[in-house]
Amino acid sequence: MLIDHDPFTGITTTMQYNAEKDSIVLGYVATSDGVSAVLEDNKAAMLDVDLHRKGAREEWAHYAKIPPIVQYEWLYKHGVDFNKRDHWPGVMRLLNSPDYRYLKRTTYYHDR
């Protein structure tokens, strides 16, 4: 059963009821267009050396852009909640892992 579709994030929320177990399962699905756009933007930013230099001079850096569906995946698969400050060591570990390198917008390495 369709619960919601968020046009901003591209995430569709579904619900299934299992009568035998008297349980509800929520599902989250994202359109590939929304995720692909973020990944392509990240790739372009990684190649923009001038942007990195400007950020370094101004003491800021846009380190990563993480689609909401990936944030759900991290919570489900790794127990890492992007929205909780005390989970940020896990966020940085995941961002710096080979599996999620495409979320970074820079070649820099941060661990905090």
C-alpha atoms as a PDB file:
ATOM      1  CA  MET A   1       0.000   0.000   0.000  1.00  0.00           C
ATOM      2  CA  LEU A   2       1.309   3.429  -0.959  1.00  0.00           C
ATOM      3  CA  ILE A   3       1.605   5.728   2.053  1.00  0.00           C
ATOM      4  CA  ASP A   4       3.371   8.780   0.656  1.00  0.00           C
ATOM      5  CA  HIS A   5       5.495  10.096  -2.169  1.00  0.00           C
ATOM      6  CA  ASP A   6       7.797  13.028  -1.476  1.00  0.00           C
ATOM      7  CA  PRO A   7       8.513  14.823  -4.764  1.00  0.00           C
ATOM      8  CA  PHE A   8      11.388  16.772  -3.183  1.00  0.00           C
ATOM      9  CA  THR A   9      13.417  13.679  -2.181  1.00  0.00           C
ATOM     10  CA  GLY A  10      11.878  11.279  -4.711  1.00  0.00           C
ATOM     11  CA  ILE A  11      11.189   8.792  -1.905  1.00  0.00           C
ATOM     12  CA  THR A  12       8.040   6.704  -1.947  1.00  0.00           C
ATOM     13  CA  THR A  13       6.926   5.175   1.352  1.00  0.00           C
ATOM     14  CA  THR A  14       4.962   1.941   1.312  1.00  0.00           C
ATOM     15  CA  MET A  15       3.384  -0.191   4.019  1.00  0.00           C
ATOM     16  CA  GLN A  16       2.609  -3.880   4.188  1.00  0.00           C
ATOM     17  CA  TYR A  17       0.614  -5.553   6.928  1.00  0.00           C
ATOM     18  CA  ASN A  18       1.400  -9.164   7.837  1.00  0.00           C
ATOM     19  CA  ALA A  19      -1.736 -10.571   9.494  1.00  0.00           C
ATOM     20  CA  GLU A  20      -0.042 -13.814  10.565  1.00  0.00           C
ATOM     21  CA  LYS A  21       2.601 -11.953  12.535  1.00  0.00           C
ATOM     22  CA  ASP A  22       0.428  -8.907  13.256  1.00  0.00           C
ATOM     23  CA  SER A  23       3.247  -6.681  12.066  1.00  0.00           C
ATOM     24  CA  ILE A  24       3.727  -3.736   9.751  1.00  0.00           C
ATOM     25  CA  VAL A  25       6.658  -3.324   7.379  1.00  0.00           C
ATOM     26  CA  LEU A  26       7.487   0.102   5.998  1.00  0.00           C
ATOM     27  CA  GLY A  27       9.421   0.342   2.754  1.00  0.00           C
ATOM     28  CA  TYR A  28      11.283   3.236   1.210  1.00  0.00           C
ATOM     29  CA  VAL A  29      12.071   3.442  -2.492  1.00  0.00           C
ATOM     30  CA  ALA A  30      13.770   6.299  -4.312  1.00  0.00           C
ATOM     31  CA  THR A  31      13.599   7.145  -7.962  1.00  0.00           C
ATOM     32  CA  SER A  32      16.905   6.548  -9.660  1.00  0.00           C
ATOM     33  CA  ASP A  33      16.690   9.995 -11.299  1.00  0.00           C
ATOM     34  CA  GLY A  34      16.988  11.788  -7.961  1.00  0.00           C
ATOM     35  CA  VAL A  35      19.880   9.680  -6.726  1.00  0.00           C
ATOM     36  CA  SER A  36      21.681   9.827 -10.079  1.00  0.00           C
ATOM     37  CA  ALA A  37      21.449  13.623 -10.126  1.00  0.00           C
ATOM     38  CA  VAL A  38      23.112  13.849  -6.704  1.00  0.00           C
ATOM     39  CA  LEU A  39      25.868  11.425  -7.692  1.00  0.00           C
ATOM     40  CA  GLU A  40      26.595  13.286 -10.932  1.00  0.00           C
ATOM     41  CA  ASP A  41      26.723  16.576  -9.042  1.00  0.00           C
ATOM     42  CA  ASN A  42      29.146  15.038  -6.533  1.00  0.00           C
ATOM     43  CA  LYS A  43      31.394  13.803  -9.361  1.00  0.00           C
ATOM     44  CA  ALA A  44      31.458  17.233 -10.968  1.00  0.00           C
ATOM     45  CA  ALA A  45      32.257  18.905  -7.643  1.00  0.00           C
ATOM     46  CA  MET A  46      35.109  16.474  -7.010  1.00  0.00           C
ATOM     47  CA  LEU A  47      36.728  17.584 -10.269  1.00  0.00           C
ATOM     48  CA  ASP A  48      36.351  21.303  -9.478  1.00  0.00           C
ATOM     49  CA  VAL A  49      39.756  22.088  -7.961  1.00  0.00           C
ATOM     50  CA  ASP A  50      39.031  25.824  -7.804  1.00  0.00           C
ATOM     51  CA  LEU A  51      35.971  25.189  -5.639  1.00  0.00           C
ATOM     52  CA  HIS A  52      38.103  23.200  -3.168  1.00  0.00           C
ATOM     53  CA  ARG A  53      40.746  25.928  -3.033  1.00  0.00           C
ATOM     54  CA  LYS A  54      38.099  28.606  -2.456  1.00  0.00           C
ATOM     55  CA  GLY A  55      36.577  26.565   0.349  1.00  0.00           C
ATOM     56  CA  ALA A  56      39.963  26.009   1.967  1.00  0.00           C
ATOM     57  CA  ARG A  57      40.738  29.751   1.841  1.00  0.00           C
ATOM     58  CA  GLU A  58      37.367  30.596   3.381  1.00  0.00           C
ATOM     59  CA  GLU A  59      37.628  27.787   5.961  1.00  0.00           C
ATOM     60  CA  TRP A  60      34.682  25.748   4.716  1.00  0.00           C
ATOM     61  CA  ALA A  61      34.259  22.715   2.538  1.00  0.00           C
ATOM     62  CA  HIS A  62      31.206  20.976   1.128  1.00  0.00           C
ATOM     63  CA  TYR A  63      32.461  17.497   1.945  1.00  0.00           C
ATOM     64  CA  ALA A  64      29.548  15.319   0.836  1.00  0.00           C
ATOM     65  CA  LYS A  65      25.993  15.265  -0.436  1.00  0.00           C
ATOM     66  CA  ILE A  66      24.032  12.259   0.813  1.00  0.00           C
ATOM     67  CA  PRO A  67      20.631  11.429  -0.684  1.00  0.00           C
ATOM     68  CA  PRO A  68      17.930  10.732   1.921  1.00  0.00           C
ATOM     69  CA  ILE A  69      17.481   7.154   0.660  1.00  0.00           C
ATOM     70  CA  VAL A  70      21.139   6.481   1.504  1.00  0.00           C
ATOM     71  CA  GLN A  71      20.549   7.920   4.957  1.00  0.00           C
ATOM     72  CA  TYR A  72      17.740   5.355   5.391  1.00  0.00           C
ATOM     73  CA  GLU A  73      20.085   2.614   4.168  1.00  0.00           C
ATOM     74  CA  TRP A  74      22.725   3.610   6.706  1.00  0.00           C
ATOM     75  CA  LEU A  75      20.189   3.524   9.508  1.00  0.00           C
ATOM     76  CA  TYR A  76      18.841   0.118   8.453  1.00  0.00           C
ATOM     77  CA  LYS A  77      22.095  -1.631   7.469  1.00  0.00           C
ATOM     78  CA  HIS A  78      24.623   0.022   9.788  1.00  0.00           C
ATOM     79  CA  GLY A  79      22.605   1.540  12.637  1.00  0.00           C
ATOM     80  CA  VAL A  80      24.029   4.976  11.803  1.00  0.00           C
ATOM     81  CA  ASP A  81      21.545   7.846  12.140  1.00  0.00           C
ATOM     82  CA  PHE A  82      22.695  10.789  10.030  1.00  0.00           C
ATOM     83  CA  ASN A  83      20.594  13.158  12.139  1.00  0.00           C
ATOM     84  CA  LYS A  84      22.197  12.287  15.477  1.00  0.00           C
ATOM     85  CA  ARG A  85      25.360  14.144  16.389  1.00  0.00           C
ATOM     86  CA  ASP A  86      26.794  11.209  18.368  1.00  0.00           C
ATOM     87  CA  HIS A  87      26.526   9.021  15.221  1.00  0.00           C
ATOM     88  CA  TRP A  88      28.848  11.268  13.190  1.00  0.00           C
ATOM     89  CA  PRO A  89      31.923   9.084  13.693  1.00  0.00           C
ATOM     90  CA  GLY A  90      29.907   6.366  11.924  1.00  0.00           C
ATOM     91  CA  VAL A  91      28.819   8.794   9.210  1.00  0.00           C
ATOM     92  CA  MET A  92      32.432   9.730   8.524  1.00  0.00           C
ATOM     93  CA  ARG A  93      33.507   6.072   8.573  1.00  0.00           C
ATOM     94  CA  LEU A  94      30.877   5.250   5.957  1.00  0.00           C
ATOM     95  CA  LEU A  95      31.704   8.284   3.805  1.00  0.00           C
ATOM     96  CA  ASN A  96      35.368   7.339   3.769  1.00  0.00           C
ATOM     97  CA  SER A  97      34.664   3.689   2.944  1.00  0.00           C
ATOM     98  CA  PRO A  98      35.025   2.491  -0.657  1.00  0.00           C
ATOM     99  CA  ASP A  99      31.328   1.551  -0.741  1.00  0.00           C
ATOM    100  CA  TYR A 100      30.157   5.151  -0.335  1.00  0.00           C
ATOM    101  CA  ARG A 101      33.003   7.155  -1.882  1.00  0.00           C
ATOM    102  CA  TYR A 102      30.619   8.471  -4.572  1.00  0.00           C
ATOM    103  CA  LEU A 103      28.860  10.563  -1.933  1.00  0.00           C
ATOM    104  CA  LYS A 104      31.922  12.718  -1.316  1.00  0.00           C
ATOM    105  CA  ARG A 105      32.430  15.975  -3.191  1.00  0.00           C
ATOM    106  CA  THR A 106      36.144  16.214  -2.510  1.00  0.00           C
ATOM    107  CA  THR A 107      39.236  14.049  -2.378  1.00  0.00           C
ATOM    108  CA  TYR A 108      39.966  15.313   1.138  1.00  0.00           C
ATOM    109  CA  TYR A 109      39.783  12.921   4.065  1.00  0.00           C
ATOM    110  CA  HIS A 110      38.005  13.865   7.280  1.00  0.00           C
ATOM    111  CA  ASP A 111      37.347  11.655  10.261  1.00  0.00           C
ATOM    112  CA  ARG A 112      35.202  14.022  12.329  1.00  0.00           C
END
